[in-house]
Amino acid sequence: MTDENARSPRYVQGMATRRSVLGADHVDRAEAKKTGFDEPFQDLITEAAWGHVWSRPEWTKRERSIVTLALLAALGHDEEVAMHVRATANTGATPGDIREAMLHVAIYAGVPAANHAIKIVKQTLAEMEEKTS
């Protein structure tokens, strides 16, 4: 696998942003599972999603988190919804923010998509609350 020291500045920024949003433990687990097969894909998302988009200064991490949750819910990407709900602990998006995003999903992407995502959000928030209790 590629030497960390040979990475592009965009990759380095992306990895820092990814860690700040998803948490170092999550990223370390994902990196440990990376193989030669998926390394190019992981590099792509680290540079493009995290290094280009999530690292832009125009929106806060909270704002990006809210938009990301709405898009993932609208598209039915359930595992990613749960992961990004957990990430709100680092981005500052609140349960109220998530609720408002799901209302937008219901209107613009459909009630079934929002209903299903709300089920995932509620379960994930309950798990997060349980861990902090």
Protein backbone atom coordinates (compact mmCIF):
# COMPACT_ATOMS: atom_id res chain seq x y z
CA MET A 1 0.00 0.00 0.00
CA THR A 2 1.04 3.58 -0.58
CA ASP A 3 3.44 5.28 1.81
CA GLU A 4 1.65 8.03 3.80
CA ASN A 5 4.62 10.36 3.19
CA ALA A 6 4.08 10.13 -0.59
CA ARG A 7 0.48 11.39 -0.40
CA SER A 8 -0.75 14.56 -2.06
CA PRO A 9 -1.51 17.65 0.03
CA ARG A 10 -5.22 17.17 -0.87
CA TYR A 11 -5.09 13.62 0.51
CA VAL A 12 -3.41 14.78 3.72
CA GLN A 13 -6.04 17.52 4.18
CA GLY A 14 -8.78 15.02 3.36
CA MET A 15 -7.54 12.54 5.92
CA ALA A 16 -7.40 15.24 8.59
CA THR A 17 -10.96 16.33 7.77
CA ARG A 18 -12.18 12.73 7.62
CA ARG A 19 -10.72 12.08 11.08
CA SER A 20 -12.25 15.26 12.50
CA VAL A 21 -15.71 14.36 11.17
CA LEU A 22 -15.88 10.59 11.53
CA GLY A 23 -13.47 10.19 14.44
CA ALA A 24 -10.00 8.69 14.52
CA ASP A 25 -11.23 5.28 15.72
CA HIS A 26 -13.63 4.93 12.78
CA VAL A 27 -10.99 5.99 10.26
CA ASP A 28 -8.34 3.73 11.81
CA ARG A 29 -10.72 0.74 11.56
CA ALA A 30 -11.50 1.57 7.92
CA GLU A 31 -7.83 2.01 7.07
CA ALA A 32 -6.97 -1.32 8.70
CA LYS A 33 -9.50 -3.06 6.40
CA LYS A 34 -8.14 -1.39 3.25
CA THR A 35 -6.62 -3.75 0.67
CA GLY A 36 -4.77 -3.31 -2.58
CA PHE A 37 -8.11 -3.78 -4.34
CA ASP A 38 -9.94 -0.88 -2.70
CA GLU A 39 -6.99 1.41 -1.98
CA PRO A 40 -7.54 3.49 -5.18
CA PHE A 41 -11.20 3.95 -4.20
CA GLN A 42 -10.28 4.94 -0.64
CA ASP A 43 -7.72 7.41 -1.99
CA LEU A 44 -10.36 8.87 -4.32
CA ILE A 45 -12.91 9.49 -1.59
CA THR A 46 -10.28 10.79 0.82
CA GLU A 47 -9.08 13.34 -1.73
CA ALA A 48 -12.38 14.19 -3.44
CA ALA A 49 -15.00 13.97 -0.72
CA TRP A 50 -12.91 14.85 2.31
CA GLY A 51 -10.06 16.87 0.78
CA HIS A 52 -12.01 18.85 -1.81
CA VAL A 53 -15.62 19.09 -0.63
CA TRP A 54 -15.65 18.65 3.16
CA SER A 55 -12.52 20.82 3.55
CA ARG A 56 -13.93 23.87 1.77
CA PRO A 57 -14.37 26.90 4.06
CA GLU A 58 -17.69 28.12 2.61
CA TRP A 59 -19.81 25.88 4.88
CA THR A 60 -19.22 24.68 8.41
CA LYS A 61 -18.91 21.00 9.18
CA ARG A 62 -22.34 21.27 10.81
CA GLU A 63 -23.88 22.57 7.58
CA ARG A 64 -22.17 19.90 5.50
CA SER A 65 -23.32 17.26 7.95
CA ILE A 66 -26.97 18.33 7.63
CA VAL A 67 -26.84 18.38 3.83
CA THR A 68 -25.03 15.06 3.69
CA LEU A 69 -27.63 13.40 5.92
CA ALA A 70 -30.47 14.70 3.77
CA LEU A 71 -28.83 13.46 0.58
CA LEU A 72 -27.98 10.04 2.01
CA ALA A 73 -31.52 9.64 3.36
CA ALA A 74 -33.05 10.70 0.06
CA LEU A 75 -30.92 8.16 -1.79
CA GLY A 76 -31.58 5.36 0.70
CA HIS A 77 -27.97 4.85 1.74
CA ASP A 78 -28.82 3.41 5.14
CA GLU A 79 -25.35 2.49 6.45
CA GLU A 80 -24.03 5.89 5.45
CA VAL A 81 -27.00 7.59 7.20
CA ALA A 82 -26.10 5.82 10.44
CA MET A 83 -22.40 6.64 10.05
CA HIS A 84 -23.12 10.33 9.45
CA VAL A 85 -25.57 10.50 12.35
CA ARG A 86 -22.73 9.23 14.55
CA ALA A 87 -20.48 11.88 12.99
CA THR A 88 -22.77 14.64 14.26
CA ALA A 89 -21.05 14.18 17.62
CA ASN A 90 -18.05 15.80 15.89
CA THR A 91 -19.75 18.19 13.47
CA GLY A 92 -22.11 19.96 15.86
CA ALA A 93 -25.30 19.04 13.99
CA THR A 94 -28.02 18.48 16.57
CA PRO A 95 -30.93 16.04 16.64
CA GLY A 96 -33.09 19.06 15.82
CA ASP A 97 -30.98 19.75 12.75
CA ILE A 98 -31.34 16.13 11.67
CA ARG A 99 -35.11 16.26 12.20
CA GLU A 100 -35.38 19.36 10.00
CA ALA A 101 -33.29 17.67 7.30
CA MET A 102 -35.61 14.64 7.39
CA LEU A 103 -38.63 16.92 6.95
CA HIS A 104 -37.00 18.28 3.80
CA VAL A 105 -36.33 14.72 2.64
CA ALA A 106 -40.03 13.91 3.10
CA ILE A 107 -41.13 16.84 0.97
CA TYR A 108 -38.47 16.75 -1.74
CA ALA A 109 -37.58 13.04 -1.93
CA GLY A 110 -40.66 11.32 -0.57
CA VAL A 111 -42.24 10.26 2.68
CA PRO A 112 -41.08 6.60 2.42
CA ALA A 113 -37.43 7.67 2.15
CA ALA A 114 -37.75 10.01 5.12
CA ASN A 115 -39.72 7.49 7.16
CA HIS A 116 -37.08 4.82 6.67
CA ALA A 117 -34.22 7.23 7.40
CA ILE A 118 -35.97 8.50 10.54
CA LYS A 119 -36.09 4.93 11.83
CA ILE A 120 -32.30 4.66 11.31
CA VAL A 121 -31.68 8.09 12.83
CA LYS A 122 -33.72 7.28 15.95
CA GLN A 123 -31.96 3.96 16.44
CA THR A 124 -28.52 5.50 15.94
CA LEU A 125 -29.21 8.43 18.27
CA ALA A 126 -30.47 5.98 20.93
CA GLU A 127 -27.27 3.93 20.58
CA MET A 128 -25.19 7.09 20.90
CA GLU A 129 -27.13 8.16 24.00
CA GLU A 130 -26.70 4.70 25.51
CA LYS A 131 -22.93 4.90 25.05
CA THR A 132 -22.73 8.25 26.83
CA SER A 133 -24.94 7.20 29.75
